[in-house]
Amino acid sequence: MAVEARIRELGSRHQTLEQAIQDEQRRPAADDLRLKELKRQKLKLKEEMESLRARPH
């Protein structure tokens, strides 16, 4: 059960980062470095979720 809870937590953080990325992209002068960092963090979370899902239960 702990793995499913961790995946849900990571999914929530992933969604929060997605919203932050969208908010940044809507700004008139979006910060490219901030966008790059947010996207990197989002990808890292996605990879961790996929790794957890691939584990045998």
PDB file of N, CA and C in Angstrom:
ATOM      1  N   MET A   1       0.823  -1.199   0.000  1.00  0.00           N
ATOM      2  CA  MET A   1       0.000   0.000   0.000  1.00  0.00           C
ATOM      3  C   MET A   1       0.871   1.269   0.000  1.00  0.00           C
ATOM      4  N   ALA A   2       2.035   1.192   0.583  1.00  0.00           N
ATOM      5  CA  ALA A   2       2.912   2.365   0.669  1.00  0.00           C
ATOM      6  C   ALA A   2       3.332   2.836  -0.721  1.00  0.00           C
ATOM      7  N   VAL A   3       3.516   1.894  -1.652  1.00  0.00           N
ATOM      8  CA  VAL A   3       3.926   2.265  -3.009  1.00  0.00           C
ATOM      9  C   VAL A   3       2.824   3.073  -3.688  1.00  0.00           C
ATOM     10  N   GLU A   4       1.570   2.623  -3.532  1.00  0.00           N
ATOM     11  CA  GLU A   4       0.453   3.354  -4.145  1.00  0.00           C
ATOM     12  C   GLU A   4       0.333   4.764  -3.569  1.00  0.00           C
ATOM     13  N   ALA A   5       0.544   4.898  -2.262  1.00  0.00           N
ATOM     14  CA  ALA A   5       0.487   6.217  -1.624  1.00  0.00           C
ATOM     15  C   ALA A   5       1.599   7.119  -2.163  1.00  0.00           C
ATOM     16  N   ARG A   6       2.773   6.552  -2.335  1.00  0.00           N
ATOM     17  CA  ARG A   6       3.903   7.326  -2.869  1.00  0.00           C
ATOM     18  C   ARG A   6       3.617   7.776  -4.306  1.00  0.00           C
ATOM     19  N   ILE A   7       3.042   6.878  -5.100  1.00  0.00           N
ATOM     20  CA  ILE A   7       2.694   7.229  -6.481  1.00  0.00           C
ATOM     21  C   ILE A   7       1.668   8.359  -6.497  1.00  0.00           C
ATOM     22  N   ARG A   8       0.673   8.285  -5.612  1.00  0.00           N
ATOM     23  CA  ARG A   8      -0.337   9.364  -5.545  1.00  0.00           C
ATOM     24  C   ARG A   8       0.306  10.693  -5.148  1.00  0.00           C
ATOM     25  N   GLU A   9       1.217  10.636  -4.181  1.00  0.00           N
ATOM     26  CA  GLU A   9       1.915  11.847  -3.744  1.00  0.00           C
ATOM     27  C   GLU A   9       2.724  12.452  -4.896  1.00  0.00           C
ATOM     28  N   LEU A  10       3.455  11.593  -5.597  1.00  0.00           N
ATOM     29  CA  LEU A  10       4.252  12.066  -6.736  1.00  0.00           C
ATOM     30  C   LEU A  10       3.349  12.611  -7.834  1.00  0.00           C
ATOM     31  N   GLY A  11       2.210  11.959  -8.057  1.00  0.00           N
ATOM     32  CA  GLY A  11       1.256  12.426  -9.063  1.00  0.00           C
ATOM     33  C   GLY A  11       0.729  13.805  -8.732  1.00  0.00           C
ATOM     34  N   SER A  12       0.455  14.029  -7.469  1.00  0.00           N
ATOM     35  CA  SER A  12      -0.021  15.339  -7.029  1.00  0.00           C
ATOM     36  C   SER A  12       1.050  16.408  -7.268  1.00  0.00           C
ATOM     37  N   ARG A  13       2.286  16.100  -6.909  1.00  0.00           N
ATOM     38  CA  ARG A  13       3.386  17.046  -7.139  1.00  0.00           C
ATOM     39  C   ARG A  13       3.590  17.280  -8.631  1.00  0.00           C
ATOM     40  N   HIS A  14       3.416  16.239  -9.434  1.00  0.00           N
ATOM     41  CA  HIS A  14       3.544  16.332 -10.890  1.00  0.00           C
ATOM     42  C   HIS A  14       2.509  17.321 -11.426  1.00  0.00           C
ATOM     43  N   GLN A  15       1.270  17.209 -10.951  1.00  0.00           N
ATOM     44  CA  GLN A  15       0.195  18.120 -11.385  1.00  0.00           C
ATOM     45  C   GLN A  15       0.493  19.563 -10.960  1.00  0.00           C
ATOM     46  N   THR A  16       1.023  19.731  -9.758  1.00  0.00           N
ATOM     47  CA  THR A  16       1.373  21.066  -9.270  1.00  0.00           C
ATOM     48  C   THR A  16       2.438  21.696 -10.166  1.00  0.00           C
ATOM     49  N   LEU A  17       3.423  20.899 -10.553  1.00  0.00           N
ATOM     50  CA  LEU A  17       4.468  21.407 -11.450  1.00  0.00           C
ATOM     51  C   LEU A  17       3.892  21.739 -12.821  1.00  0.00           C
ATOM     52  N   GLU A  18       2.976  20.918 -13.314  1.00  0.00           N
ATOM     53  CA  GLU A  18       2.336  21.184 -14.612  1.00  0.00           C
ATOM     54  C   GLU A  18       1.622  22.528 -14.571  1.00  0.00           C
ATOM     55  N   GLN A  19       0.920  22.797 -13.473  1.00  0.00           N
ATOM     56  CA  GLN A  19       0.227  24.072 -13.330  1.00  0.00           C
ATOM     57  C   GLN A  19       1.211  25.234 -13.277  1.00  0.00           C
ATOM     58  N   ALA A  20       2.317  25.053 -12.568  1.00  0.00           N
ATOM     59  CA  ALA A  20       3.341  26.092 -12.480  1.00  0.00           C
ATOM     60  C   ALA A  20       3.951  26.373 -13.855  1.00  0.00           C
ATOM     61  N   ILE A  21       4.159  25.317 -14.639  1.00  0.00           N
ATOM     62  CA  ILE A  21       4.694  25.477 -15.994  1.00  0.00           C
ATOM     63  C   ILE A  21       3.715  26.275 -16.848  1.00  0.00           C
ATOM     64  N   GLN A  22       2.447  25.917 -16.783  1.00  0.00           N
ATOM     65  CA  GLN A  22       1.439  26.632 -17.566  1.00  0.00           C
ATOM     66  C   GLN A  22       1.344  28.094 -17.144  1.00  0.00           C
ATOM     67  N   ASP A  23       1.384  28.333 -15.838  1.00  0.00           N
ATOM     68  CA  ASP A  23       1.330  29.713 -15.335  1.00  0.00           C
ATOM     69  C   ASP A  23       2.519  30.520 -15.849  1.00  0.00           C
ATOM     70  N   GLU A  24       3.701  29.911 -15.801  1.00  0.00           N
ATOM     71  CA  GLU A  24       4.913  30.607 -16.254  1.00  0.00           C
ATOM     72  C   GLU A  24       4.836  30.898 -17.751  1.00  0.00           C
ATOM     73  N   GLN A  25       4.323  29.954 -18.529  1.00  0.00           N
ATOM     74  CA  GLN A  25       4.237  30.141 -19.977  1.00  0.00           C
ATOM     75  C   GLN A  25       3.241  31.242 -20.348  1.00  0.00           C
ATOM     76  N   ARG A  26       2.263  31.498 -19.502  1.00  0.00           N
ATOM     77  CA  ARG A  26       1.262  32.546 -19.775  1.00  0.00           C
ATOM     78  C   ARG A  26       1.787  33.947 -19.485  1.00  0.00           C
ATOM     79  N   ARG A  27       2.865  34.024 -18.713  1.00  0.00           N
ATOM     80  CA  ARG A  27       3.418  35.338 -18.391  1.00  0.00           C
ATOM     81  C   ARG A  27       3.949  35.988 -19.661  1.00  0.00           C
ATOM     82  N   PRO A  28       3.828  37.313 -19.749  1.00  0.00           N
ATOM     83  CA  PRO A  28       4.327  38.017 -20.947  1.00  0.00           C
ATOM     84  C   PRO A  28       5.817  37.803 -21.185  1.00  0.00           C
ATOM     85  N   ALA A  29       6.593  37.750 -20.121  1.00  0.00           N
ATOM     86  CA  ALA A  29       8.044  37.535 -20.266  1.00  0.00           C
ATOM     87  C   ALA A  29       8.416  36.292 -19.465  1.00  0.00           C
ATOM     88  N   ALA A  30       8.070  35.133 -19.988  1.00  0.00           N
ATOM     89  CA  ALA A  30       8.331  33.876 -19.284  1.00  0.00           C
ATOM     90  C   ALA A  30       9.829  33.700 -19.040  1.00  0.00           C
ATOM     91  N   ASP A  31      10.160  33.178 -17.892  1.00  0.00           N
ATOM     92  CA  ASP A  31      11.546  32.932 -17.504  1.00  0.00           C
ATOM     93  C   ASP A  31      11.950  31.553 -18.026  1.00  0.00           C
ATOM     94  N   ASP A  32      12.777  31.537 -19.058  1.00  0.00           N
ATOM     95  CA  ASP A  32      13.173  30.280 -19.688  1.00  0.00           C
ATOM     96  C   ASP A  32      13.923  29.352 -18.730  1.00  0.00           C
ATOM     97  N   LEU A  33      14.748  29.912 -17.871  1.00  0.00           N
ATOM     98  CA  LEU A  33      15.487  29.080 -16.922  1.00  0.00           C
ATOM     99  C   LEU A  33      14.536  28.428 -15.917  1.00  0.00           C
ATOM    100  N   ARG A  34      13.563  29.197 -15.456  1.00  0.00           N
ATOM    101  CA  ARG A  34      12.564  28.644 -14.526  1.00  0.00           C
ATOM    102  C   ARG A  34      11.758  27.544 -15.210  1.00  0.00           C
ATOM    103  N   LEU A  35      11.350  27.778 -16.453  1.00  0.00           N
ATOM    104  CA  LEU A  35      10.594  26.767 -17.194  1.00  0.00           C
ATOM    105  C   LEU A  35      11.410  25.485 -17.349  1.00  0.00           C
ATOM    106  N   LYS A  36      12.669  25.632 -17.689  1.00  0.00           N
ATOM    107  CA  LYS A  36      13.530  24.474 -17.867  1.00  0.00           C
ATOM    108  C   LYS A  36      13.641  23.678 -16.575  1.00  0.00           C
ATOM    109  N   GLU A  37      13.816  24.366 -15.448  1.00  0.00           N
ATOM    110  CA  GLU A  37      13.932  23.707 -14.147  1.00  0.00           C
ATOM    111  C   GLU A  37      12.618  23.018 -13.764  1.00  0.00           C
ATOM    112  N   LEU A  38      11.495  23.681 -13.971  1.00  0.00           N
ATOM    113  CA  LEU A  38      10.202  23.077 -13.659  1.00  0.00           C
ATOM    114  C   LEU A  38       9.971  21.813 -14.490  1.00  0.00           C
ATOM    115  N   LYS A  39      10.303  21.886 -15.762  1.00  0.00           N
ATOM    116  CA  LYS A  39      10.126  20.727 -16.638  1.00  0.00           C
ATOM    117  C   LYS A  39      11.059  19.588 -16.238  1.00  0.00           C
ATOM    118  N   ARG A  40      12.268  19.922 -15.804  1.00  0.00           N
ATOM    119  CA  ARG A  40      13.207  18.897 -15.356  1.00  0.00           C
ATOM    120  C   ARG A  40      12.669  18.182 -14.114  1.00  0.00           C
ATOM    121  N   GLN A  41      12.140  18.971 -13.182  1.00  0.00           N
ATOM    122  CA  GLN A  41      11.567  18.394 -11.967  1.00  0.00           C
ATOM    123  C   GLN A  41      10.364  17.514 -12.296  1.00  0.00           C
ATOM    124  N   LYS A  42       9.538  17.981 -13.212  1.00  0.00           N
ATOM    125  CA  LYS A  42       8.347  17.221 -13.608  1.00  0.00           C
ATOM    126  C   LYS A  42       8.751  15.885 -14.239  1.00  0.00           C
ATOM    127  N   LEU A  43       9.751  15.905 -15.095  1.00  0.00           N
ATOM    128  CA  LEU A  43      10.217  14.677 -15.733  1.00  0.00           C
ATOM    129  C   LEU A  43      10.790  13.710 -14.695  1.00  0.00           C
ATOM    130  N   LYS A  44      11.521  14.234 -13.736  1.00  0.00           N
ATOM    131  CA  LYS A  44      12.091  13.392 -12.683  1.00  0.00           C
ATOM    132  C   LYS A  44      10.973  12.685 -11.902  1.00  0.00           C
ATOM    133  N   LEU A  45       9.909  13.412 -11.580  1.00  0.00           N
ATOM    134  CA  LEU A  45       8.779  12.812 -10.875  1.00  0.00           C
ATOM    135  C   LEU A  45       8.116  11.734 -11.724  1.00  0.00           C
ATOM    136  N   LYS A  46       7.943  12.017 -13.007  1.00  0.00           N
ATOM    137  CA  LYS A  46       7.325  11.046 -13.906  1.00  0.00           C
ATOM    138  C   LYS A  46       8.152   9.770 -13.956  1.00  0.00           C
ATOM    139  N   GLU A  47       9.462   9.921 -14.064  1.00  0.00           N
ATOM    140  CA  GLU A  47      10.337   8.756 -14.114  1.00  0.00           C
ATOM    141  C   GLU A  47      10.261   7.953 -12.826  1.00  0.00           C
ATOM    142  N   GLU A  48      10.187   8.640 -11.687  1.00  0.00           N
ATOM    143  CA  GLU A  48      10.081   7.939 -10.406  1.00  0.00           C
ATOM    144  C   GLU A  48       8.750   7.186 -10.311  1.00  0.00           C
ATOM    145  N   MET A  49       7.664   7.814 -10.766  1.00  0.00           N
ATOM    146  CA  MET A  49       6.356   7.143 -10.752  1.00  0.00           C
ATOM    147  C   MET A  49       6.387   5.897 -11.630  1.00  0.00           C
ATOM    148  N   GLU A  50       6.957   6.013 -12.818  1.00  0.00           N
ATOM    149  CA  GLU A  50       7.037   4.872 -13.729  1.00  0.00           C
ATOM    150  C   GLU A  50       7.880   3.754 -13.134  1.00  0.00           C
ATOM    151  N   SER A  51       8.951   4.103 -12.462  1.00  0.00           N
ATOM    152  CA  SER A  51       9.804   3.111 -11.819  1.00  0.00           C
ATOM    153  C   SER A  51       9.043   2.365 -10.732  1.00  0.00           C
ATOM    154  N   LEU A  52       8.284   3.106  -9.931  1.00  0.00           N
ATOM    155  CA  LEU A  52       7.487   2.479  -8.871  1.00  0.00           C
ATOM    156  C   LEU A  52       6.408   1.571  -9.449  1.00  0.00           C
ATOM    157  N   ARG A  53       5.781   2.004 -10.525  1.00  0.00           N
ATOM    158  CA  ARG A  53       4.734   1.200 -11.142  1.00  0.00           C
ATOM    159  C   ARG A  53       5.292  -0.086 -11.753  1.00  0.00           C
ATOM    160  N   ALA A  54       6.531  -0.061 -12.181  1.00  0.00           N
ATOM    161  CA  ALA A  54       7.144  -1.213 -12.836  1.00  0.00           C
ATOM    162  C   ALA A  54       7.604  -2.283 -11.839  1.00  0.00           C
ATOM    163  N   ARG A  55       7.687  -1.917 -10.572  1.00  0.00           N
ATOM    164  CA  ARG A  55       8.125  -2.874  -9.556  1.00  0.00           C
ATOM    165  C   ARG A  55       7.077  -3.970  -9.378  1.00  0.00           C
ATOM    166  N   PRO A  56       7.534  -5.192  -9.177  1.00  0.00           N
ATOM    167  CA  PRO A  56       6.564  -6.251  -8.859  1.00  0.00           C
ATOM    168  C   PRO A  56       5.986  -6.021  -7.470  1.00  0.00           C
ATOM    169  N   HIS A  57       4.706  -6.289  -7.326  1.00  0.00           N
ATOM    170  CA  HIS A  57       4.037  -6.023  -6.038  1.00  0.00           C
ATOM    171  C   HIS A  57       4.075  -7.215  -5.180  1.00  0.00           C
TER     172      HIS A  57
END
